[in-house]
Amino acid sequence: MAKGHRTQIKRERNAVKDTRPSAKLSYARVSVSKACFVLDAIRGKSVDEAEAILMYNPRYASAVVLKLLRSAVANAENNQGLSRENLYVAECYANRGPIMKRIQPRAQGRAYRIEKRMSHITIVLDEKN
């Protein structure tokens, strides 16, 4: 068990700022499970290799992730002055977002619920040594 009060532990954890270049897309209209198929394919790959994989992946989420990857690379180049050739995808994950609930009319007056799921997708890059 950690020592100290809960707020003190949180304060210490949040004091360490991650300086790696990243990009986050909130409220992407793709479910977490479908986004994870695409993210698993690019995790640990170099930026050029990941971009090539995403360009020829037929899934809808790959277009969303490709745009996000390009944004993360632009953040790395412009904000931190890193070279594109040395970058690779260190972390990429999708967290669950809100769910839009819709109703589908069915036979005999019934109604089925349709859940349109959203996700928050994050890509973190890092430099190769």
N, C-alpha and C. Protein backbone atom coordinates (compact mmCIF):
# COMPACT_ATOMS: atom_id res chain seq x y z
N MET A 1 0.82 -1.18 0.00
CA MET A 1 0.00 0.00 0.00
C MET A 1 0.87 1.26 0.00
N ALA A 2 0.46 2.26 -0.74
CA ALA A 2 1.23 3.50 -0.84
C ALA A 2 1.08 4.32 0.43
N LYS A 3 2.13 5.04 0.74
CA LYS A 3 2.10 5.88 1.94
C LYS A 3 1.61 7.27 1.56
N GLY A 4 0.94 7.92 2.49
CA GLY A 4 0.47 9.27 2.26
C GLY A 4 -1.01 9.31 1.95
N HIS A 5 -1.53 10.49 1.96
CA HIS A 5 -2.95 10.69 1.68
C HIS A 5 -3.20 10.56 0.18
N ARG A 6 -4.42 10.24 -0.17
CA ARG A 6 -4.78 10.02 -1.56
C ARG A 6 -4.47 11.23 -2.43
N THR A 7 -4.78 12.44 -1.96
CA THR A 7 -4.50 13.64 -2.75
C THR A 7 -3.00 13.88 -2.91
N GLN A 8 -2.23 13.52 -1.89
CA GLN A 8 -0.77 13.67 -1.97
C GLN A 8 -0.20 12.72 -3.01
N ILE A 9 -0.71 11.50 -3.04
CA ILE A 9 -0.25 10.51 -4.01
C ILE A 9 -0.58 10.98 -5.43
N LYS A 10 -1.80 11.50 -5.62
CA LYS A 10 -2.19 12.01 -6.94
C LYS A 10 -1.33 13.19 -7.36
N ARG A 11 -1.04 14.08 -6.41
CA ARG A 11 -0.23 15.25 -6.71
C ARG A 11 1.17 14.85 -7.16
N GLU A 12 1.75 13.85 -6.50
CA GLU A 12 3.09 13.37 -6.88
C GLU A 12 3.07 12.70 -8.25
N ARG A 13 2.02 11.93 -8.51
CA ARG A 13 1.91 11.25 -9.79
C ARG A 13 1.73 12.24 -10.93
N ASN A 14 0.94 13.29 -10.72
CA ASN A 14 0.69 14.27 -11.76
C ASN A 14 1.81 15.29 -11.91
N ALA A 15 2.73 15.35 -10.96
CA ALA A 15 3.85 16.29 -11.04
C ALA A 15 4.83 15.90 -12.14
N VAL A 16 4.93 14.60 -12.41
CA VAL A 16 5.84 14.11 -13.45
C VAL A 16 5.14 14.27 -14.79
N LYS A 17 5.58 15.22 -15.61
CA LYS A 17 4.96 15.52 -16.90
C LYS A 17 5.63 14.72 -18.00
N ASP A 18 4.83 14.06 -18.81
CA ASP A 18 5.34 13.30 -19.95
C ASP A 18 5.64 14.28 -21.08
N THR A 19 6.91 14.35 -21.49
CA THR A 19 7.32 15.33 -22.50
C THR A 19 7.37 14.74 -23.91
N ARG A 20 6.96 13.50 -24.05
CA ARG A 20 6.96 12.90 -25.38
C ARG A 20 5.86 13.52 -26.24
N PRO A 21 6.11 13.66 -27.55
CA PRO A 21 5.08 14.25 -28.42
C PRO A 21 3.90 13.30 -28.55
N SER A 22 2.70 13.87 -28.56
CA SER A 22 1.51 13.02 -28.64
C SER A 22 0.38 13.79 -29.30
N ALA A 23 -0.68 13.07 -29.60
CA ALA A 23 -1.91 13.66 -30.13
C ALA A 23 -3.07 12.83 -29.61
N LYS A 24 -4.17 13.51 -29.31
CA LYS A 24 -5.34 12.83 -28.78
C LYS A 24 -6.57 13.26 -29.55
N LEU A 25 -7.41 12.30 -29.89
CA LEU A 25 -8.68 12.57 -30.55
C LEU A 25 -9.79 12.13 -29.61
N SER A 26 -10.59 13.09 -29.18
CA SER A 26 -11.71 12.77 -28.30
C SER A 26 -12.99 12.62 -29.12
N TYR A 27 -13.87 11.77 -28.66
CA TYR A 27 -15.18 11.56 -29.25
C TYR A 27 -15.12 11.08 -30.70
N ALA A 28 -14.22 10.17 -30.99
CA ALA A 28 -14.16 9.57 -32.32
C ALA A 28 -15.33 8.61 -32.47
N ARG A 29 -16.03 8.67 -33.59
CA ARG A 29 -17.22 7.85 -33.78
C ARG A 29 -16.85 6.44 -34.26
N VAL A 30 -16.05 5.77 -33.46
CA VAL A 30 -15.68 4.39 -33.74
C VAL A 30 -15.57 3.70 -32.38
N SER A 31 -16.00 2.45 -32.30
CA SER A 31 -15.97 1.76 -31.01
C SER A 31 -14.53 1.42 -30.64
N VAL A 32 -14.31 1.22 -29.36
CA VAL A 32 -12.96 0.95 -28.85
C VAL A 32 -12.41 -0.35 -29.44
N SER A 33 -13.24 -1.37 -29.52
CA SER A 33 -12.76 -2.66 -30.03
C SER A 33 -12.32 -2.57 -31.48
N LYS A 34 -13.04 -1.79 -32.29
CA LYS A 34 -12.67 -1.64 -33.70
C LYS A 34 -11.43 -0.77 -33.86
N ALA A 35 -11.28 0.23 -33.00
CA ALA A 35 -10.09 1.07 -33.06
C ALA A 35 -8.85 0.30 -32.62
N CYS A 36 -9.02 -0.62 -31.66
CA CYS A 36 -7.87 -1.37 -31.14
C CYS A 36 -7.27 -2.30 -32.19
N PHE A 37 -8.07 -2.82 -33.11
CA PHE A 37 -7.52 -3.65 -34.19
C PHE A 37 -6.48 -2.88 -34.99
N VAL A 38 -6.79 -1.61 -35.27
CA VAL A 38 -5.89 -0.77 -36.05
C VAL A 38 -4.69 -0.35 -35.21
N LEU A 39 -4.93 0.01 -33.96
CA LEU A 39 -3.85 0.48 -33.10
C LEU A 39 -2.84 -0.63 -32.80
N ASP A 40 -3.31 -1.86 -32.67
CA ASP A 40 -2.41 -2.98 -32.41
C ASP A 40 -1.45 -3.20 -33.59
N ALA A 41 -1.91 -2.86 -34.80
CA ALA A 41 -1.09 -3.08 -35.99
C ALA A 41 0.09 -2.11 -36.07
N ILE A 42 -0.03 -0.91 -35.46
CA ILE A 42 1.03 0.09 -35.60
C ILE A 42 1.87 0.28 -34.35
N ARG A 43 1.49 -0.34 -33.26
CA ARG A 43 2.22 -0.13 -31.99
C ARG A 43 3.66 -0.63 -32.12
N GLY A 44 4.63 0.24 -31.78
CA GLY A 44 6.03 -0.12 -31.83
C GLY A 44 6.70 0.06 -33.18
N LYS A 45 5.94 0.43 -34.20
CA LYS A 45 6.50 0.60 -35.54
C LYS A 45 7.04 2.02 -35.72
N SER A 46 7.93 2.18 -36.70
CA SER A 46 8.40 3.52 -37.03
C SER A 46 7.25 4.31 -37.67
N VAL A 47 7.39 5.63 -37.71
CA VAL A 47 6.31 6.47 -38.21
C VAL A 47 6.00 6.18 -39.67
N ASP A 48 7.05 6.01 -40.49
CA ASP A 48 6.84 5.74 -41.91
C ASP A 48 6.16 4.40 -42.13
N GLU A 49 6.58 3.40 -41.37
CA GLU A 49 5.99 2.06 -41.49
C GLU A 49 4.53 2.07 -41.02
N ALA A 50 4.27 2.78 -39.93
CA ALA A 50 2.90 2.87 -39.41
C ALA A 50 1.99 3.59 -40.39
N GLU A 51 2.51 4.63 -41.02
CA GLU A 51 1.72 5.38 -42.00
C GLU A 51 1.39 4.51 -43.21
N ALA A 52 2.36 3.69 -43.65
CA ALA A 52 2.12 2.80 -44.78
C ALA A 52 1.07 1.74 -44.43
N ILE A 53 1.13 1.22 -43.22
CA ILE A 53 0.14 0.22 -42.78
C ILE A 53 -1.25 0.84 -42.78
N LEU A 54 -1.37 2.05 -42.25
CA LEU A 54 -2.68 2.69 -42.13
C LEU A 54 -3.26 3.07 -43.48
N MET A 55 -2.39 3.44 -44.43
CA MET A 55 -2.89 3.85 -45.75
C MET A 55 -3.58 2.71 -46.48
N TYR A 56 -3.10 1.48 -46.30
CA TYR A 56 -3.64 0.35 -47.05
C TYR A 56 -4.51 -0.57 -46.19
N ASN A 57 -4.86 -0.12 -45.01
CA ASN A 57 -5.76 -0.89 -44.15
C ASN A 57 -7.20 -0.52 -44.53
N PRO A 58 -8.05 -1.48 -44.83
CA PRO A 58 -9.40 -1.16 -45.30
C PRO A 58 -10.38 -0.71 -44.22
N ARG A 59 -10.01 -0.80 -42.96
CA ARG A 59 -10.94 -0.46 -41.88
C ARG A 59 -11.19 1.05 -41.82
N TYR A 60 -12.39 1.42 -41.35
CA TYR A 60 -12.74 2.84 -41.22
C TYR A 60 -11.85 3.54 -40.20
N ALA A 61 -11.53 2.85 -39.12
CA ALA A 61 -10.73 3.46 -38.04
C ALA A 61 -9.33 3.82 -38.52
N SER A 62 -8.83 3.15 -39.55
CA SER A 62 -7.47 3.43 -40.00
C SER A 62 -7.34 4.84 -40.57
N ALA A 63 -8.38 5.36 -41.21
CA ALA A 63 -8.34 6.74 -41.73
C ALA A 63 -8.30 7.74 -40.57
N VAL A 64 -9.04 7.44 -39.51
CA VAL A 64 -9.06 8.32 -38.34
C VAL A 64 -7.70 8.30 -37.64
N VAL A 65 -7.13 7.11 -37.49
CA VAL A 65 -5.85 6.97 -36.80
C VAL A 65 -4.72 7.56 -37.64
N LEU A 66 -4.80 7.44 -38.97
CA LEU A 66 -3.78 8.02 -39.85
C LEU A 66 -3.72 9.54 -39.68
N LYS A 67 -4.87 10.17 -39.63
CA LYS A 67 -4.91 11.63 -39.44
C LYS A 67 -4.33 12.01 -38.09
N LEU A 68 -4.63 11.19 -37.07
CA LEU A 68 -4.11 11.45 -35.73
C LEU A 68 -2.60 11.24 -35.66
N LEU A 69 -2.09 10.22 -36.36
CA LEU A 69 -0.65 9.96 -36.41
C LEU A 69 0.08 11.13 -37.06
N ARG A 70 -0.46 11.63 -38.15
CA ARG A 70 0.15 12.78 -38.82
C ARG A 70 0.15 14.02 -37.92
N SER A 71 -0.89 14.17 -37.13
CA SER A 71 -0.94 15.28 -36.18
C SER A 71 0.13 15.14 -35.11
N ALA A 72 0.33 13.92 -34.61
CA ALA A 72 1.36 13.69 -33.59
C ALA A 72 2.76 13.95 -34.15
N VAL A 73 3.00 13.57 -35.41
CA VAL A 73 4.29 13.81 -36.05
C VAL A 73 4.51 15.31 -36.23
N ALA A 74 3.47 16.04 -36.63
CA ALA A 74 3.58 17.49 -36.78
C ALA A 74 3.87 18.16 -35.43
N ASN A 75 3.25 17.65 -34.36
CA ASN A 75 3.54 18.18 -33.02
C ASN A 75 5.00 17.95 -32.66
N ALA A 76 5.53 16.78 -32.99
CA ALA A 76 6.91 16.46 -32.67
C ALA A 76 7.88 17.35 -33.43
N GLU A 77 7.60 17.57 -34.72
CA GLU A 77 8.50 18.37 -35.56
C GLU A 77 8.44 19.85 -35.20
N ASN A 78 7.24 20.39 -35.04
CA ASN A 78 7.08 21.83 -34.84
C ASN A 78 7.30 22.28 -33.40
N ASN A 79 6.80 21.50 -32.44
CA ASN A 79 6.87 21.94 -31.05
C ASN A 79 8.17 21.53 -30.36
N GLN A 80 8.74 20.39 -30.76
CA GLN A 80 9.92 19.89 -30.06
C GLN A 80 11.14 19.76 -30.96
N GLY A 81 10.99 20.04 -32.24
CA GLY A 81 12.13 20.03 -33.17
C GLY A 81 12.73 18.66 -33.39
N LEU A 82 11.92 17.61 -33.31
CA LEU A 82 12.43 16.25 -33.51
C LEU A 82 12.40 15.88 -34.99
N SER A 83 13.26 14.97 -35.37
CA SER A 83 13.32 14.51 -36.75
C SER A 83 12.35 13.36 -36.97
N ARG A 84 11.65 13.39 -38.11
CA ARG A 84 10.65 12.37 -38.42
C ARG A 84 11.26 10.98 -38.55
N GLU A 85 12.50 10.90 -39.04
CA GLU A 85 13.13 9.59 -39.27
C GLU A 85 13.40 8.83 -37.98
N ASN A 86 13.56 9.56 -36.86
CA ASN A 86 13.89 8.91 -35.58
C ASN A 86 12.68 8.58 -34.73
N LEU A 87 11.48 8.90 -35.20
CA LEU A 87 10.28 8.71 -34.39
C LEU A 87 9.66 7.34 -34.60
N TYR A 88 9.09 6.81 -33.53
CA TYR A 88 8.32 5.58 -33.61
C TYR A 88 7.11 5.69 -32.68
N VAL A 89 6.13 4.82 -32.87
CA VAL A 89 4.91 4.84 -32.08
C VAL A 89 5.19 4.11 -30.77
N ALA A 90 5.39 4.87 -29.69
CA ALA A 90 5.71 4.28 -28.39
C ALA A 90 4.45 3.71 -27.74
N GLU A 91 3.38 4.48 -27.73
CA GLU A 91 2.12 4.05 -27.13
C GLU A 91 0.98 4.47 -28.03
N CYS A 92 -0.04 3.65 -28.10
CA CYS A 92 -1.28 4.03 -28.75
C CYS A 92 -2.40 3.22 -28.11
N TYR A 93 -3.45 3.91 -27.71
CA TYR A 93 -4.54 3.22 -27.04
C TYR A 93 -5.84 3.97 -27.26
N ALA A 94 -6.94 3.27 -27.05
CA ALA A 94 -8.27 3.85 -27.18
C ALA A 94 -9.02 3.62 -25.87
N ASN A 95 -9.56 4.69 -25.33
CA ASN A 95 -10.39 4.61 -24.13
C ASN A 95 -11.85 4.79 -24.50
N ARG A 96 -12.72 4.26 -23.66
CA ARG A 96 -14.15 4.33 -23.93
C ARG A 96 -14.67 5.75 -23.76
N GLY A 97 -15.51 6.18 -24.69
CA GLY A 97 -16.14 7.49 -24.61
C GLY A 97 -17.62 7.33 -24.32
N PRO A 98 -18.40 8.40 -24.47
CA PRO A 98 -19.84 8.29 -24.23
C PRO A 98 -20.53 7.47 -25.31
N ILE A 99 -21.74 7.06 -25.01
CA ILE A 99 -22.51 6.24 -25.94
C ILE A 99 -23.79 6.99 -26.30
N MET A 100 -24.03 7.16 -27.60
CA MET A 100 -25.29 7.76 -28.04
C MET A 100 -26.33 6.64 -28.11
N LYS A 101 -27.46 6.85 -27.49
CA LYS A 101 -28.49 5.82 -27.47
C LYS A 101 -29.61 6.21 -28.41
N ARG A 102 -29.92 5.31 -29.32
CA ARG A 102 -30.97 5.54 -30.30
C ARG A 102 -31.98 4.40 -30.22
N ILE A 103 -33.17 4.63 -30.76
CA ILE A 103 -34.24 3.63 -30.72
C ILE A 103 -34.55 3.16 -32.13
N GLN A 104 -34.67 1.85 -32.31
CA GLN A 104 -35.04 1.25 -33.58
C GLN A 104 -36.43 0.61 -33.41
N PRO A 105 -37.44 1.12 -34.11
CA PRO A 105 -38.76 0.50 -33.99
C PRO A 105 -38.76 -0.93 -34.53
N ARG A 106 -39.45 -1.80 -33.84
CA ARG A 106 -39.54 -3.21 -34.25
C ARG A 106 -41.02 -3.62 -34.34
N ALA A 107 -41.24 -4.88 -34.63
CA ALA A 107 -42.60 -5.37 -34.84
C ALA A 107 -43.40 -5.34 -33.53
N GLN A 108 -44.72 -5.21 -33.68
CA GLN A 108 -45.68 -5.26 -32.58
C GLN A 108 -45.41 -4.21 -31.50
N GLY A 109 -44.96 -3.03 -31.92
CA GLY A 109 -44.80 -1.92 -31.00
C GLY A 109 -43.57 -1.97 -30.12
N ARG A 110 -42.69 -2.92 -30.36
CA ARG A 110 -41.47 -3.00 -29.55
C ARG A 110 -40.44 -1.99 -30.04
N ALA A 111 -39.46 -1.74 -29.21
CA ALA A 111 -38.38 -0.83 -29.59
C ALA A 111 -37.06 -1.44 -29.14
N TYR A 112 -36.11 -1.54 -30.07
CA TYR A 112 -34.77 -2.02 -29.73
C TYR A 112 -33.85 -0.83 -29.58
N ARG A 113 -32.91 -0.93 -28.65
CA ARG A 113 -31.96 0.15 -28.44
C ARG A 113 -30.74 -0.06 -29.33
N ILE A 114 -30.32 1.01 -29.99
CA ILE A 114 -29.08 1.00 -30.76
C ILE A 114 -28.08 1.87 -30.01
N GLU A 115 -26.91 1.33 -29.75
CA GLU A 115 -25.88 2.08 -29.03
C GLU A 115 -24.76 2.45 -30.00
N LYS A 116 -24.58 3.74 -30.22
CA LYS A 116 -23.52 4.23 -31.09
C LYS A 116 -22.36 4.64 -30.21
N ARG A 117 -21.33 3.84 -30.21
CA ARG A 117 -20.22 4.02 -29.27
C ARG A 117 -19.18 4.98 -29.79
N MET A 118 -18.53 5.68 -28.86
CA MET A 118 -17.45 6.60 -29.18
C MET A 118 -16.20 6.20 -28.40
N SER A 119 -15.06 6.73 -28.83
CA SER A 119 -13.82 6.41 -28.13
C SER A 119 -12.91 7.64 -28.14
N HIS A 120 -11.97 7.64 -27.21
CA HIS A 120 -10.93 8.66 -27.14
C HIS A 120 -9.62 7.96 -27.50
N ILE A 121 -9.02 8.35 -28.62
CA ILE A 121 -7.82 7.67 -29.14
C ILE A 121 -6.60 8.55 -28.87
N THR A 122 -5.53 7.94 -28.36
CA THR A 122 -4.30 8.65 -28.04
C THR A 122 -3.12 7.96 -28.71
N ILE A 123 -2.23 8.75 -29.31
CA ILE A 123 -0.98 8.24 -29.88
C ILE A 123 0.17 9.01 -29.26
N VAL A 124 1.15 8.29 -28.73
CA VAL A 124 2.35 8.89 -28.12
C VAL A 124 3.55 8.41 -28.92
N LEU A 125 4.37 9.34 -29.39
CA LEU A 125 5.58 9.02 -30.15
C LEU A 125 6.79 9.14 -29.25
N ASP A 126 7.90 8.56 -29.69
CA ASP A 126 9.15 8.68 -28.96
C ASP A 126 10.29 8.56 -29.97
N GLU A 127 11.48 8.99 -29.56
CA GLU A 127 12.65 8.93 -30.43
C GLU A 127 13.41 7.63 -30.22
N LYS A 128 13.92 7.07 -31.31
CA LYS A 128 14.80 5.91 -31.22
C LYS A 128 16.17 6.34 -30.75
N ASN A 129 16.82 5.50 -30.00
CA ASN A 129 18.18 5.83 -29.52
C ASN A 129 19.23 5.47 -30.53
